[in-house]
Amino acid sequence: MRFNPLTIIDKTGNEVILRNAKIDDAENMIKYLQITTSETPYLTREPDEVILRASGTDSECRIHC
């Protein structure tokens, strides 16, 4: 799902931009998914099942798990 970026102020007064992930975010998204899947046994995948297989165009990238 795509949505327009939204800028909010968090409870500590910091500006936060909520946006769709971009191609440049892929490596950090993979690391995040590997960390979070290792924190609980109740998810549908294991940390070693999170790999990067990019597909799409220059303007779109999908992370397959």
N, C-alpha and C. Protein backbone atom coordinates (compact mmCIF):
# COMPACT_ATOMS: atom_id res chain seq x y z
N MET A 1 0.83 -1.16 0.00
CA MET A 1 0.00 0.00 0.00
C MET A 1 0.89 1.24 0.00
N ARG A 2 0.55 2.19 -0.79
CA ARG A 2 1.28 3.45 -0.88
C ARG A 2 0.49 4.56 -0.22
N PHE A 3 1.19 5.45 0.48
CA PHE A 3 0.53 6.62 1.02
C PHE A 3 1.47 7.81 0.96
N ASN A 4 0.91 8.99 1.02
CA ASN A 4 1.72 10.22 0.99
C ASN A 4 2.46 10.39 2.30
N PRO A 5 3.68 10.93 2.27
CA PRO A 5 4.42 11.17 3.51
C PRO A 5 3.62 12.04 4.47
N LEU A 6 3.74 11.73 5.75
CA LEU A 6 3.04 12.46 6.79
C LEU A 6 4.06 12.89 7.83
N THR A 7 4.10 14.18 8.14
CA THR A 7 5.02 14.70 9.16
C THR A 7 4.24 14.91 10.45
N ILE A 8 4.76 14.33 11.55
CA ILE A 8 4.13 14.49 12.85
C ILE A 8 5.18 14.92 13.87
N ILE A 9 4.73 15.37 15.01
CA ILE A 9 5.61 15.69 16.13
C ILE A 9 5.34 14.63 17.20
N ASP A 10 6.40 13.92 17.64
CA ASP A 10 6.19 12.90 18.66
C ASP A 10 6.10 13.54 20.04
N LYS A 11 5.88 12.73 21.07
CA LYS A 11 5.65 13.26 22.41
C LYS A 11 6.88 13.94 23.03
N THR A 12 8.06 13.69 22.44
CA THR A 12 9.27 14.37 22.93
C THR A 12 9.58 15.64 22.14
N GLY A 13 8.72 15.97 21.17
CA GLY A 13 8.90 17.18 20.38
C GLY A 13 9.71 17.02 19.12
N ASN A 14 10.10 15.79 18.80
CA ASN A 14 10.87 15.53 17.57
C ASN A 14 9.94 15.40 16.37
N GLU A 15 10.40 15.93 15.24
CA GLU A 15 9.65 15.79 14.00
C GLU A 15 9.93 14.42 13.40
N VAL A 16 8.87 13.71 13.05
CA VAL A 16 8.97 12.37 12.49
C VAL A 16 8.23 12.36 11.16
N ILE A 17 8.86 11.81 10.13
CA ILE A 17 8.22 11.69 8.82
C ILE A 17 7.87 10.23 8.59
N LEU A 18 6.58 9.96 8.45
CA LEU A 18 6.11 8.62 8.13
C LEU A 18 5.99 8.53 6.62
N ARG A 19 6.67 7.55 6.01
CA ARG A 19 6.66 7.43 4.56
C ARG A 19 6.86 5.99 4.16
N ASN A 20 6.60 5.72 2.91
CA ASN A 20 6.88 4.39 2.37
C ASN A 20 8.38 4.16 2.32
N ALA A 21 8.78 2.92 2.44
CA ALA A 21 10.20 2.58 2.31
C ALA A 21 10.64 2.84 0.87
N LYS A 22 11.90 3.22 0.74
CA LYS A 22 12.50 3.46 -0.58
C LYS A 22 13.56 2.40 -0.85
N ILE A 23 14.01 2.32 -2.08
CA ILE A 23 15.03 1.34 -2.44
C ILE A 23 16.27 1.48 -1.55
N ASP A 24 16.65 2.69 -1.21
CA ASP A 24 17.82 2.92 -0.36
C ASP A 24 17.62 2.38 1.06
N ASP A 25 16.38 2.10 1.45
CA ASP A 25 16.08 1.59 2.79
C ASP A 25 16.18 0.07 2.87
N ALA A 26 16.34 -0.61 1.75
CA ALA A 26 16.25 -2.07 1.70
C ALA A 26 17.20 -2.77 2.67
N GLU A 27 18.45 -2.38 2.70
CA GLU A 27 19.42 -3.05 3.58
C GLU A 27 19.03 -2.92 5.05
N ASN A 28 18.63 -1.71 5.45
CA ASN A 28 18.22 -1.51 6.85
C ASN A 28 16.91 -2.23 7.16
N MET A 29 16.01 -2.33 6.19
CA MET A 29 14.76 -3.07 6.40
C MET A 29 15.05 -4.56 6.62
N ILE A 30 15.98 -5.11 5.85
CA ILE A 30 16.36 -6.51 6.04
C ILE A 30 16.92 -6.73 7.44
N LYS A 31 17.83 -5.86 7.87
CA LYS A 31 18.40 -5.97 9.22
C LYS A 31 17.31 -5.89 10.29
N TYR A 32 16.37 -4.95 10.11
CA TYR A 32 15.26 -4.79 11.05
C TYR A 32 14.42 -6.06 11.11
N LEU A 33 14.08 -6.63 9.96
CA LEU A 33 13.27 -7.84 9.93
C LEU A 33 14.00 -9.03 10.56
N GLN A 34 15.31 -9.12 10.35
CA GLN A 34 16.09 -10.20 10.96
C GLN A 34 16.12 -10.06 12.48
N ILE A 35 16.26 -8.84 12.97
CA ILE A 35 16.29 -8.62 14.42
C ILE A 35 14.93 -8.93 15.04
N THR A 36 13.86 -8.40 14.45
CA THR A 36 12.55 -8.61 15.05
C THR A 36 12.09 -10.06 14.98
N THR A 37 12.45 -10.78 13.92
CA THR A 37 12.05 -12.19 13.86
C THR A 37 12.82 -13.05 14.85
N SER A 38 13.98 -12.60 15.28
CA SER A 38 14.75 -13.37 16.27
C SER A 38 14.27 -13.10 17.70
N GLU A 39 13.40 -12.09 17.89
CA GLU A 39 12.96 -11.72 19.23
C GLU A 39 11.78 -12.53 19.75
N THR A 40 11.08 -13.25 18.89
CA THR A 40 9.92 -14.00 19.32
C THR A 40 9.73 -15.25 18.45
N PRO A 41 9.24 -16.33 19.03
CA PRO A 41 8.97 -17.53 18.24
C PRO A 41 7.57 -17.50 17.61
N TYR A 42 6.83 -16.43 17.79
CA TYR A 42 5.44 -16.38 17.36
C TYR A 42 5.23 -15.74 15.99
N LEU A 43 6.28 -15.48 15.26
CA LEU A 43 6.16 -14.95 13.91
C LEU A 43 6.21 -16.10 12.91
N THR A 44 5.80 -15.83 11.68
CA THR A 44 5.69 -16.90 10.68
C THR A 44 7.00 -17.21 9.97
N ARG A 45 8.08 -16.56 10.36
CA ARG A 45 9.36 -16.84 9.72
C ARG A 45 10.49 -16.77 10.75
N GLU A 46 11.60 -17.37 10.40
CA GLU A 46 12.80 -17.37 11.21
C GLU A 46 13.76 -16.32 10.66
N PRO A 47 14.71 -15.82 11.47
CA PRO A 47 15.64 -14.79 11.00
C PRO A 47 16.41 -15.16 9.73
N ASP A 48 16.78 -16.43 9.58
CA ASP A 48 17.54 -16.82 8.39
C ASP A 48 16.67 -16.93 7.14
N GLU A 49 15.36 -16.79 7.29
CA GLU A 49 14.46 -16.80 6.14
C GLU A 49 14.25 -15.41 5.55
N VAL A 50 14.80 -14.39 6.20
CA VAL A 50 14.67 -13.02 5.71
C VAL A 50 15.88 -12.74 4.83
N ILE A 51 15.65 -12.70 3.54
CA ILE A 51 16.71 -12.45 2.58
C ILE A 51 16.25 -11.39 1.59
N LEU A 52 17.17 -10.78 0.91
CA LEU A 52 16.83 -9.76 -0.07
C LEU A 52 16.81 -10.37 -1.46
N ARG A 53 15.65 -10.37 -2.05
CA ARG A 53 15.49 -10.73 -3.46
C ARG A 53 14.71 -9.58 -4.07
N ALA A 54 15.41 -8.61 -4.55
CA ALA A 54 14.77 -7.40 -5.06
C ALA A 54 14.08 -7.69 -6.38
N SER A 55 12.92 -7.08 -6.51
CA SER A 55 12.21 -7.14 -7.78
C SER A 55 11.52 -5.81 -7.98
N GLY A 56 11.13 -5.52 -9.18
CA GLY A 56 10.45 -4.26 -9.46
C GLY A 56 11.31 -3.38 -10.34
N THR A 57 10.98 -2.12 -10.37
CA THR A 57 11.67 -1.16 -11.21
C THR A 57 12.55 -0.28 -10.35
N ASP A 58 13.18 0.73 -10.97
CA ASP A 58 14.00 1.66 -10.21
C ASP A 58 13.20 2.43 -9.17
N SER A 59 11.90 2.61 -9.43
CA SER A 59 11.08 3.36 -8.51
C SER A 59 10.35 2.47 -7.51
N GLU A 60 10.54 1.16 -7.63
CA GLU A 60 9.83 0.23 -6.75
C GLU A 60 10.73 -0.94 -6.43
N CYS A 61 10.76 -1.34 -5.17
CA CYS A 61 11.56 -2.49 -4.76
C CYS A 61 10.75 -3.26 -3.74
N ARG A 62 10.70 -4.56 -3.86
CA ARG A 62 9.96 -5.40 -2.91
C ARG A 62 10.94 -6.29 -2.17
N ILE A 63 10.73 -6.46 -0.89
CA ILE A 63 11.54 -7.36 -0.09
C ILE A 63 10.72 -8.61 0.12
N HIS A 64 11.24 -9.75 -0.32
CA HIS A 64 10.54 -11.02 -0.20
C HIS A 64 11.06 -11.78 1.01
N CYS A 65 10.14 -12.24 1.81
CA CYS A 65 10.52 -13.03 2.99
C CYS A 65 9.91 -14.40 2.89
